[in-house]
Amino acid sequence: MVNRTDQDHTRHVGDRTAPATTPNKQSIREDRKDLDAEHKPDRAPTAEEEAIADRHGEVAEDVASAYKEALERGASQKGEGRPGV
């Protein structure tokens, strides 16, 4: 049996069936290179975006707590879907 590295089973997408996929060597190489790459924002926020953020003020305590809990829970995750570091 082939050791698949992506979707190892077919899945339904809308009204069609998507086949199992195996990334090629170039895709795997690029993914591994991106793992260690520095990830930065593509641009600084605009003055309008900063004003909107300032207008909303502080985040509610329960929202901040839920966000922190989710990050802590995800910190020990392995593989795809792991929160960015």
PDB file of N, CA and C in Angstrom:
ATOM      1  N   MET A   1       0.846  -1.199   0.000  1.00  0.00           N
ATOM      2  CA  MET A   1       0.000   0.000   0.000  1.00  0.00           C
ATOM      3  C   MET A   1       0.878   1.245   0.000  1.00  0.00           C
ATOM      4  N   VAL A   2       0.448   2.255  -0.673  1.00  0.00           N
ATOM      5  CA  VAL A   2       1.177   3.512  -0.763  1.00  0.00           C
ATOM      6  C   VAL A   2       1.027   4.280   0.547  1.00  0.00           C
ATOM      7  N   ASN A   3       2.129   4.829   1.027  1.00  0.00           N
ATOM      8  CA  ASN A   3       2.087   5.645   2.241  1.00  0.00           C
ATOM      9  C   ASN A   3       1.765   7.075   1.831  1.00  0.00           C
ATOM     10  N   ARG A   4       0.534   7.470   1.946  1.00  0.00           N
ATOM     11  CA  ARG A   4       0.102   8.794   1.519  1.00  0.00           C
ATOM     12  C   ARG A   4       0.386   9.814   2.613  1.00  0.00           C
ATOM     13  N   THR A   5       0.748  11.025   2.209  1.00  0.00           N
ATOM     14  CA  THR A   5       1.121  12.042   3.182  1.00  0.00           C
ATOM     15  C   THR A   5       0.101  13.159   3.323  1.00  0.00           C
ATOM     16  N   ASP A   6      -0.964  13.115   2.559  1.00  0.00           N
ATOM     17  CA  ASP A   6      -1.942  14.196   2.621  1.00  0.00           C
ATOM     18  C   ASP A   6      -3.311  13.607   2.960  1.00  0.00           C
ATOM     19  N   GLN A   7      -4.188  13.524   2.014  1.00  0.00           N
ATOM     20  CA  GLN A   7      -5.511  12.929   2.212  1.00  0.00           C
ATOM     21  C   GLN A   7      -5.430  11.473   1.819  1.00  0.00           C
ATOM     22  N   ASP A   8      -5.539  10.567   2.778  1.00  0.00           N
ATOM     23  CA  ASP A   8      -5.378   9.160   2.451  1.00  0.00           C
ATOM     24  C   ASP A   8      -6.696   8.456   2.147  1.00  0.00           C
ATOM     25  N   HIS A   9      -7.747   9.218   1.952  1.00  0.00           N
ATOM     26  CA  HIS A   9      -9.029   8.627   1.585  1.00  0.00           C
ATOM     27  C   HIS A   9      -9.803   9.622   0.714  1.00  0.00           C
ATOM     28  N   THR A  10     -10.715   9.100  -0.072  1.00  0.00           N
ATOM     29  CA  THR A  10     -11.540  10.010  -0.872  1.00  0.00           C
ATOM     30  C   THR A  10     -12.489  10.746   0.050  1.00  0.00           C
ATOM     31  N   ARG A  11     -12.955  11.898  -0.391  1.00  0.00           N
ATOM     32  CA  ARG A  11     -13.871  12.689   0.429  1.00  0.00           C
ATOM     33  C   ARG A  11     -14.850  13.404  -0.493  1.00  0.00           C
ATOM     34  N   HIS A  12     -16.002  13.699   0.040  1.00  0.00           N
ATOM     35  CA  HIS A  12     -17.037  14.378  -0.733  1.00  0.00           C
ATOM     36  C   HIS A  12     -16.871  15.883  -0.612  1.00  0.00           C
ATOM     37  N   VAL A  13     -16.821  16.542  -1.740  1.00  0.00           N
ATOM     38  CA  VAL A  13     -16.709  17.995  -1.800  1.00  0.00           C
ATOM     39  C   VAL A  13     -17.866  18.479  -2.651  1.00  0.00           C
ATOM     40  N   GLY A  14     -18.857  19.042  -1.990  1.00  0.00           N
ATOM     41  CA  GLY A  14     -20.046  19.472  -2.711  1.00  0.00           C
ATOM     42  C   GLY A  14     -20.720  18.278  -3.359  1.00  0.00           C
ATOM     43  N   ASP A  15     -20.908  18.344  -4.679  1.00  0.00           N
ATOM     44  CA  ASP A  15     -21.584  17.254  -5.371  1.00  0.00           C
ATOM     45  C   ASP A  15     -20.611  16.319  -6.091  1.00  0.00           C
ATOM     46  N   ARG A  16     -19.328  16.399  -5.751  1.00  0.00           N
ATOM     47  CA  ARG A  16     -18.355  15.509  -6.387  1.00  0.00           C
ATOM     48  C   ARG A  16     -17.488  14.815  -5.342  1.00  0.00           C
ATOM     49  N   THR A  17     -16.740  13.833  -5.759  1.00  0.00           N
ATOM     50  CA  THR A  17     -15.847  13.101  -4.869  1.00  0.00           C
ATOM     51  C   THR A  17     -14.416  13.473  -5.212  1.00  0.00           C
ATOM     52  N   ALA A  18     -13.679  13.964  -4.214  1.00  0.00           N
ATOM     53  CA  ALA A  18     -12.276  14.317  -4.413  1.00  0.00           C
ATOM     54  C   ALA A  18     -11.428  13.082  -4.116  1.00  0.00           C
ATOM     55  N   PRO A  19     -10.475  12.776  -4.976  1.00  0.00           N
ATOM     56  CA  PRO A  19      -9.666  11.571  -4.768  1.00  0.00           C
ATOM     57  C   PRO A  19      -8.644  11.773  -3.647  1.00  0.00           C
ATOM     58  N   ALA A  20      -8.110  10.662  -3.182  1.00  0.00           N
ATOM     59  CA  ALA A  20      -6.992  10.733  -2.240  1.00  0.00           C
ATOM     60  C   ALA A  20      -5.827  11.395  -2.967  1.00  0.00           C
ATOM     61  N   THR A  21      -4.997  12.141  -2.263  1.00  0.00           N
ATOM     62  CA  THR A  21      -3.893  12.850  -2.901  1.00  0.00           C
ATOM     63  C   THR A  21      -2.580  12.546  -2.204  1.00  0.00           C
ATOM     64  N   THR A  22      -1.522  12.601  -2.955  1.00  0.00           N
ATOM     65  CA  THR A  22      -0.179  12.460  -2.419  1.00  0.00           C
ATOM     66  C   THR A  22       0.646  13.598  -3.004  1.00  0.00           C
ATOM     67  N   PRO A  23       1.177  14.489  -2.163  1.00  0.00           N
ATOM     68  CA  PRO A  23       1.961  15.601  -2.708  1.00  0.00           C
ATOM     69  C   PRO A  23       3.243  15.089  -3.378  1.00  0.00           C
ATOM     70  N   ASN A  24       3.702  15.815  -4.387  1.00  0.00           N
ATOM     71  CA  ASN A  24       4.949  15.418  -5.029  1.00  0.00           C
ATOM     72  C   ASN A  24       6.140  15.891  -4.202  1.00  0.00           C
ATOM     73  N   LYS A  25       7.340  15.461  -4.569  1.00  0.00           N
ATOM     74  CA  LYS A  25       8.536  15.777  -3.784  1.00  0.00           C
ATOM     75  C   LYS A  25       8.788  17.284  -3.694  1.00  0.00           C
ATOM     76  N   GLN A  26       8.521  18.003  -4.760  1.00  0.00           N
ATOM     77  CA  GLN A  26       8.732  19.453  -4.751  1.00  0.00           C
ATOM     78  C   GLN A  26       7.799  20.120  -3.734  1.00  0.00           C
ATOM     79  N   SER A  27       6.546  19.701  -3.673  1.00  0.00           N
ATOM     80  CA  SER A  27       5.594  20.265  -2.700  1.00  0.00           C
ATOM     81  C   SER A  27       6.045  19.985  -1.277  1.00  0.00           C
ATOM     82  N   ILE A  28       6.505  18.767  -1.036  1.00  0.00           N
ATOM     83  CA  ILE A  28       6.975  18.411   0.304  1.00  0.00           C
ATOM     84  C   ILE A  28       8.192  19.251   0.669  1.00  0.00           C
ATOM     85  N   ARG A  29       9.134  19.430  -0.281  1.00  0.00           N
ATOM     86  CA  ARG A  29      10.325  20.253  -0.034  1.00  0.00           C
ATOM     87  C   ARG A  29       9.934  21.686   0.323  1.00  0.00           C
ATOM     88  N   GLU A  30       8.996  22.267  -0.434  1.00  0.00           N
ATOM     89  CA  GLU A  30       8.562  23.639  -0.181  1.00  0.00           C
ATOM     90  C   GLU A  30       7.877  23.765   1.190  1.00  0.00           C
ATOM     91  N   ASP A  31       7.053  22.788   1.536  1.00  0.00           N
ATOM     92  CA  ASP A  31       6.388  22.804   2.838  1.00  0.00           C
ATOM     93  C   ASP A  31       7.404  22.777   3.971  1.00  0.00           C
ATOM     94  N   ARG A  32       8.411  21.942   3.840  1.00  0.00           N
ATOM     95  CA  ARG A  32       9.440  21.847   4.889  1.00  0.00           C
ATOM     96  C   ARG A  32      10.242  23.126   4.987  1.00  0.00           C
ATOM     97  N   LYS A  33      10.518  23.758   3.836  1.00  0.00           N
ATOM     98  CA  LYS A  33      11.255  25.018   3.838  1.00  0.00           C
ATOM     99  C   LYS A  33      10.431  26.104   4.549  1.00  0.00           C
ATOM    100  N   ASP A  34       9.135  26.125   4.305  1.00  0.00           N
ATOM    101  CA  ASP A  34       8.263  27.118   4.929  1.00  0.00           C
ATOM    102  C   ASP A  34       8.120  26.921   6.432  1.00  0.00           C
ATOM    103  N   LEU A  35       8.315  25.697   6.895  1.00  0.00           N
ATOM    104  CA  LEU A  35       8.213  25.426   8.328  1.00  0.00           C
ATOM    105  C   LEU A  35       9.153  26.295   9.142  1.00  0.00           C
ATOM    106  N   ASP A  36      10.372  26.497   8.637  1.00  0.00           N
ATOM    107  CA  ASP A  36      11.388  27.240   9.379  1.00  0.00           C
ATOM    108  C   ASP A  36      11.504  28.695   8.948  1.00  0.00           C
ATOM    109  N   ALA A  37      10.729  29.095   7.963  1.00  0.00           N
ATOM    110  CA  ALA A  37      10.796  30.467   7.466  1.00  0.00           C
ATOM    111  C   ALA A  37      10.223  31.442   8.499  1.00  0.00           C
ATOM    112  N   GLU A  38      10.756  32.647   8.489  1.00  0.00           N
ATOM    113  CA  GLU A  38      10.229  33.689   9.363  1.00  0.00           C
ATOM    114  C   GLU A  38       8.918  34.196   8.761  1.00  0.00           C
ATOM    115  N   HIS A  39       7.884  34.241   9.567  1.00  0.00           N
ATOM    116  CA  HIS A  39       6.580  34.686   9.084  1.00  0.00           C
ATOM    117  C   HIS A  39       6.285  36.060   9.645  1.00  0.00           C
ATOM    118  N   LYS A  40       6.149  37.016   8.749  1.00  0.00           N
ATOM    119  CA  LYS A  40       5.901  38.403   9.141  1.00  0.00           C
ATOM    120  C   LYS A  40       4.666  38.916   8.408  1.00  0.00           C
ATOM    121  N   PRO A  41       4.044  39.963   8.946  1.00  0.00           N
ATOM    122  CA  PRO A  41       2.922  40.557   8.212  1.00  0.00           C
ATOM    123  C   PRO A  41       3.425  41.148   6.903  1.00  0.00           C
ATOM    124  N   ASP A  42       2.561  41.180   5.908  1.00  0.00           N
ATOM    125  CA  ASP A  42       2.967  41.700   4.609  1.00  0.00           C
ATOM    126  C   ASP A  42       3.055  43.224   4.587  1.00  0.00           C
ATOM    127  N   ARG A  43       2.417  43.851   5.566  1.00  0.00           N
ATOM    128  CA  ARG A  43       2.452  45.318   5.620  1.00  0.00           C
ATOM    129  C   ARG A  43       2.054  45.773   7.022  1.00  0.00           C
ATOM    130  N   ALA A  44       2.344  47.036   7.306  1.00  0.00           N
ATOM    131  CA  ALA A  44       1.915  47.621   8.583  1.00  0.00           C
ATOM    132  C   ALA A  44       0.436  47.993   8.467  1.00  0.00           C
ATOM    133  N   PRO A  45      -0.278  48.055   9.595  1.00  0.00           N
ATOM    134  CA  PRO A  45      -1.682  48.457   9.518  1.00  0.00           C
ATOM    135  C   PRO A  45      -1.810  49.905   9.043  1.00  0.00           C
ATOM    136  N   THR A  46      -2.885  50.181   8.334  1.00  0.00           N
ATOM    137  CA  THR A  46      -3.135  51.548   7.890  1.00  0.00           C
ATOM    138  C   THR A  46      -3.647  52.369   9.068  1.00  0.00           C
ATOM    139  N   ALA A  47      -3.641  53.662   8.918  1.00  0.00           N
ATOM    140  CA  ALA A  47      -4.151  54.540   9.978  1.00  0.00           C
ATOM    141  C   ALA A  47      -5.622  54.215  10.264  1.00  0.00           C
ATOM    142  N   GLU A  48      -6.375  53.921   9.210  1.00  0.00           N
ATOM    143  CA  GLU A  48      -7.788  53.585   9.380  1.00  0.00           C
ATOM    144  C   GLU A  48      -7.952  52.292  10.182  1.00  0.00           C
ATOM    145  N   GLU A  49      -7.137  51.289   9.882  1.00  0.00           N
ATOM    146  CA  GLU A  49      -7.205  50.024  10.615  1.00  0.00           C
ATOM    147  C   GLU A  49      -6.837  50.206  12.084  1.00  0.00           C
ATOM    148  N   GLU A  50      -5.829  51.023  12.357  1.00  0.00           N
ATOM    149  CA  GLU A  50      -5.451  51.288  13.746  1.00  0.00           C
ATOM    150  C   GLU A  50      -6.569  52.020  14.483  1.00  0.00           C
ATOM    151  N   ALA A  51      -7.220  52.953  13.813  1.00  0.00           N
ATOM    152  CA  ALA A  51      -8.317  53.699  14.434  1.00  0.00           C
ATOM    153  C   ALA A  51      -9.476  52.759  14.781  1.00  0.00           C
ATOM    154  N   ILE A  52      -9.777  51.837  13.895  1.00  0.00           N
ATOM    155  CA  ILE A  52     -10.852  50.876  14.159  1.00  0.00           C
ATOM    156  C   ILE A  52     -10.499  50.010  15.356  1.00  0.00           C
ATOM    157  N   ALA A  53      -9.249  49.556  15.415  1.00  0.00           N
ATOM    158  CA  ALA A  53      -8.819  48.726  16.546  1.00  0.00           C
ATOM    159  C   ALA A  53      -8.903  49.507  17.854  1.00  0.00           C
ATOM    160  N   ASP A  54      -8.489  50.765  17.821  1.00  0.00           N
ATOM    161  CA  ASP A  54      -8.542  51.597  19.027  1.00  0.00           C
ATOM    162  C   ASP A  54      -9.976  51.857  19.465  1.00  0.00           C
ATOM    163  N   ARG A  55     -10.881  51.985  18.512  1.00  0.00           N
ATOM    164  CA  ARG A  55     -12.277  52.254  18.815  1.00  0.00           C
ATOM    165  C   ARG A  55     -12.917  51.096  19.571  1.00  0.00           C
ATOM    166  N   HIS A  56     -12.475  49.888  19.279  1.00  0.00           N
ATOM    167  CA  HIS A  56     -13.073  48.727  19.924  1.00  0.00           C
ATOM    168  C   HIS A  56     -12.555  48.499  21.335  1.00  0.00           C
ATOM    169  N   GLY A  57     -11.460  49.117  21.695  1.00  0.00           N
ATOM    170  CA  GLY A  57     -10.964  49.044  23.062  1.00  0.00           C
ATOM    171  C   GLY A  57     -10.515  47.653  23.484  1.00  0.00           C
ATOM    172  N   GLU A  58     -10.604  47.396  24.774  1.00  0.00           N
ATOM    173  CA  GLU A  58     -10.140  46.147  25.346  1.00  0.00           C
ATOM    174  C   GLU A  58     -11.067  44.981  24.988  1.00  0.00           C
ATOM    175  N   VAL A  59     -10.476  43.810  24.945  1.00  0.00           N
ATOM    176  CA  VAL A  59     -11.242  42.590  24.683  1.00  0.00           C
ATOM    177  C   VAL A  59     -11.895  42.146  25.984  1.00  0.00           C
ATOM    178  N   ALA A  60     -13.126  41.663  25.906  1.00  0.00           N
ATOM    179  CA  ALA A  60     -13.833  41.181  27.093  1.00  0.00           C
ATOM    180  C   ALA A  60     -13.024  40.071  27.756  1.00  0.00           C
ATOM    181  N   GLU A  61     -13.068  40.018  29.084  1.00  0.00           N
ATOM    182  CA  GLU A  61     -12.263  39.060  29.846  1.00  0.00           C
ATOM    183  C   GLU A  61     -12.561  37.607  29.445  1.00  0.00           C
ATOM    184  N   ASP A  62     -13.832  37.272  29.235  1.00  0.00           N
ATOM    185  CA  ASP A  62     -14.160  35.890  28.875  1.00  0.00           C
ATOM    186  C   ASP A  62     -13.635  35.532  27.487  1.00  0.00           C
ATOM    187  N   VAL A  63     -13.596  36.505  26.579  1.00  0.00           N
ATOM    188  CA  VAL A  63     -13.066  36.263  25.237  1.00  0.00           C
ATOM    189  C   VAL A  63     -11.554  36.058  25.321  1.00  0.00           C
ATOM    190  N   ALA A  64     -10.884  36.904  26.081  1.00  0.00           N
ATOM    191  CA  ALA A  64      -9.437  36.780  26.247  1.00  0.00           C
ATOM    192  C   ALA A  64      -9.089  35.449  26.895  1.00  0.00           C
ATOM    193  N   SER A  65      -9.871  35.036  27.871  1.00  0.00           N
ATOM    194  CA  SER A  65      -9.634  33.778  28.566  1.00  0.00           C
ATOM    195  C   SER A  65      -9.817  32.584  27.618  1.00  0.00           C
ATOM    196  N   ALA A  66     -10.854  32.616  26.808  1.00  0.00           N
ATOM    197  CA  ALA A  66     -11.108  31.534  25.858  1.00  0.00           C
ATOM    198  C   ALA A  66      -9.998  31.464  24.812  1.00  0.00           C
ATOM    199  N   TYR A  67      -9.517  32.619  24.375  1.00  0.00           N
ATOM    200  CA  TYR A  67      -8.431  32.678  23.394  1.00  0.00           C
ATOM    201  C   TYR A  67      -7.158  32.074  23.988  1.00  0.00           C
ATOM    202  N   LYS A  68      -6.839  32.468  25.216  1.00  0.00           N
ATOM    203  CA  LYS A  68      -5.647  31.961  25.889  1.00  0.00           C
ATOM    204  C   LYS A  68      -5.753  30.444  26.086  1.00  0.00           C
ATOM    205  N   GLU A  69      -6.908  29.979  26.487  1.00  0.00           N
ATOM    206  CA  GLU A  69      -7.124  28.539  26.694  1.00  0.00           C
ATOM    207  C   GLU A  69      -6.926  27.767  25.390  1.00  0.00           C
ATOM    208  N   ALA A  70      -7.457  28.303  24.298  1.00  0.00           N
ATOM    209  CA  ALA A  70      -7.322  27.636  23.002  1.00  0.00           C
ATOM    210  C   ALA A  70      -5.860  27.572  22.573  1.00  0.00           C
ATOM    211  N   LEU A  71      -5.110  28.640  22.792  1.00  0.00           N
ATOM    212  CA  LEU A  71      -3.695  28.629  22.433  1.00  0.00           C
ATOM    213  C   LEU A  71      -2.914  27.639  23.283  1.00  0.00           C
ATOM    214  N   GLU A  72      -3.225  27.582  24.571  1.00  0.00           N
ATOM    215  CA  GLU A  72      -2.535  26.632  25.444  1.00  0.00           C
ATOM    216  C   GLU A  72      -2.864  25.194  25.053  1.00  0.00           C
ATOM    217  N   ARG A  73      -4.112  24.954  24.720  1.00  0.00           N
ATOM    218  CA  ARG A  73      -4.526  23.612  24.311  1.00  0.00           C
ATOM    219  C   ARG A  73      -3.835  23.220  23.007  1.00  0.00           C
ATOM    220  N   GLY A  74      -3.708  24.158  22.104  1.00  0.00           N
ATOM    221  CA  GLY A  74      -3.093  23.879  20.816  1.00  0.00           C
ATOM    222  C   GLY A  74      -1.579  23.867  20.825  1.00  0.00           C
ATOM    223  N   ALA A  75      -0.963  24.367  21.886  1.00  0.00           N
ATOM    224  CA  ALA A  75       0.501  24.461  21.925  1.00  0.00           C
ATOM    225  C   ALA A  75       1.178  23.102  21.841  1.00  0.00           C
ATOM    226  N   SER A  76       0.537  22.073  22.342  1.00  0.00           N
ATOM    227  CA  SER A  76       1.168  20.748  22.324  1.00  0.00           C
ATOM    228  C   SER A  76       0.701  19.910  21.146  1.00  0.00           C
ATOM    229  N   GLN A  77      -0.090  20.490  20.257  1.00  0.00           N
ATOM    230  CA  GLN A  77      -0.545  19.777  19.062  1.00  0.00           C
ATOM    231  C   GLN A  77       0.617  19.486  18.146  1.00  0.00           C
ATOM    232  N   LYS A  78       0.533  18.392  17.456  1.00  0.00           N
ATOM    233  CA  LYS A  78       1.548  18.028  16.475  1.00  0.00           C
ATOM    234  C   LYS A  78       0.886  17.940  15.112  1.00  0.00           C
ATOM    235  N   GLY A  79       1.633  18.300  14.073  1.00  0.00           N
ATOM    236  CA  GLY A  79       1.144  18.124  12.716  1.00  0.00           C
ATOM    237  C   GLY A  79       0.311  19.282  12.198  1.00  0.00           C
ATOM    238  N   GLU A  80      -0.428  18.992  11.144  1.00  0.00           N
ATOM    239  CA  GLU A  80      -1.240  19.993  10.468  1.00  0.00           C
ATOM    240  C   GLU A  80      -2.305  20.556  11.387  1.00  0.00           C
ATOM    241  N   GLY A  81      -2.624  21.822  11.245  1.00  0.00           N
ATOM    242  CA  GLY A  81      -3.652  22.431  12.062  1.00  0.00           C
ATOM    243  C   GLY A  81      -3.115  23.055  13.329  1.00  0.00           C
ATOM    244  N   ARG A  82      -1.811  22.948  13.548  1.00  0.00           N
ATOM    245  CA  ARG A  82      -1.195  23.496  14.747  1.00  0.00           C
ATOM    246  C   ARG A  82      -1.181  25.017  14.667  1.00  0.00           C
ATOM    247  N   PRO A  83      -1.491  25.705  15.779  1.00  0.00           N
ATOM    248  CA  PRO A  83      -1.458  27.164  15.761  1.00  0.00           C
ATOM    249  C   PRO A  83      -0.066  27.671  15.394  1.00  0.00           C
ATOM    250  N   GLY A  84       0.002  28.776  14.660  1.00  0.00           N
ATOM    251  CA  GLY A  84       1.282  29.344  14.260  1.00  0.00           C
ATOM    252  C   GLY A  84       2.141  29.739  15.445  1.00  0.00           C
ATOM    253  N   VAL A  85       3.416  29.606  15.272  1.00  0.00           N
ATOM    254  CA  VAL A  85       4.366  29.930  16.341  1.00  0.00           C
ATOM    255  C   VAL A  85       5.192  31.100  15.928  1.00  0.00           C
TER     256      VAL A  85
END
